[in-house]
Amino acid sequence: MAAAFKKKRIFDEAIQCHHDVLQKLFLTNPLYFKTIFKANRFLIGSAILGLYYTRKESTFKDIKKFCIANDLLSSNSLDSFLLYLRVGGRIEVYKDASDKRKFNYKPTAKTLVETKKMINTMLLPCAMLSTDFDLAFYQNHQNFVPAFFKHYSEITLNRIFIHYMVPGSADFLSRDGGHMIMFNLFLESIKQNTLDVHYNLLKASFSCGVSRSHIKRCLQAAEQNQLLSIVDNKHIVSLTPEFMTMVKDYFALYLASIKHGFNGMRADEVVLNSQIN
């Protein structure tokens, strides 16, 4: 699916569309979204929802087992992140009715709203690149997040981690706001029609919700892996063709994984309608 997406004539426009919608969402709560879009935390968030909607009475132990087994975070860092979600009103924790030693959890209404908004940043790109995509169906779906994660969980829980699959992407995705920084650079190159991008760190800092020094550290890490080079005295970031390919590979796989969740939602609806009829 990802390979087919990359062949589409308007693939770059789909990246621009995702970036623009996500940027508006980012600016509503930059602290949260730059945190959740950091690769391992994104995977943990996906695992939390995937486990909840596919396994009965999911527990904190289930989350920790999955995350520690896949080296997503240390035990202490994971506890801190889960506490961050609880304090922020995004998950509720309660003792299991049959076993008081177990702590079950559930996502809050706040989480469902925020998660749907994040997934929605991929709706229009999917519609742009898929001729049979029923945009209205997803926009008006009444059980959107549970139905989506019933199928998207197959991606996360089967350990399909995109930042491991695309060399170089972890230089960005493993950092706060890296998802936005990567696309911001890519789109500046398209806009300026050159790989030698005049890069305004102050403007990028505002767009990506992180500091200029944070962006510079991200660029320096990518420079070490020969994805780009920095010309400080001219405020230029020289991107390599490999960087541009990396961004396209990442977006295509990310879009394909989201489309898998959408396809499952649609298939469920078809089955349900056939049963009713």
Foldseek 3Di string as FASTA:
>chain_A
DLVLLLPDPCSLVLLVLLLVLVLVVCLVPVVVQLVCQQQLNVLLVLLLLLCPLAPPQDFPVVSCVQCVVVVSDPPVVVVVVVVVCVVVQQKDWDADPVHRVTIGMDGDPVNVVSVLSNLVSLLVSCVVRDVPRDSVCQVPDPCNSSLLSPFLSCCSSVPVRLCVVQPLLNLQSNGRLSLNLLSVLLVQCVVVVALWGQDDLVVSCSSSVHHSVSSVSSLVSSVVVVQWDADVVRSTIRGDVSSNVSNSSSVSVVSVSSVRSVVSSVVVVVVVVVVVD
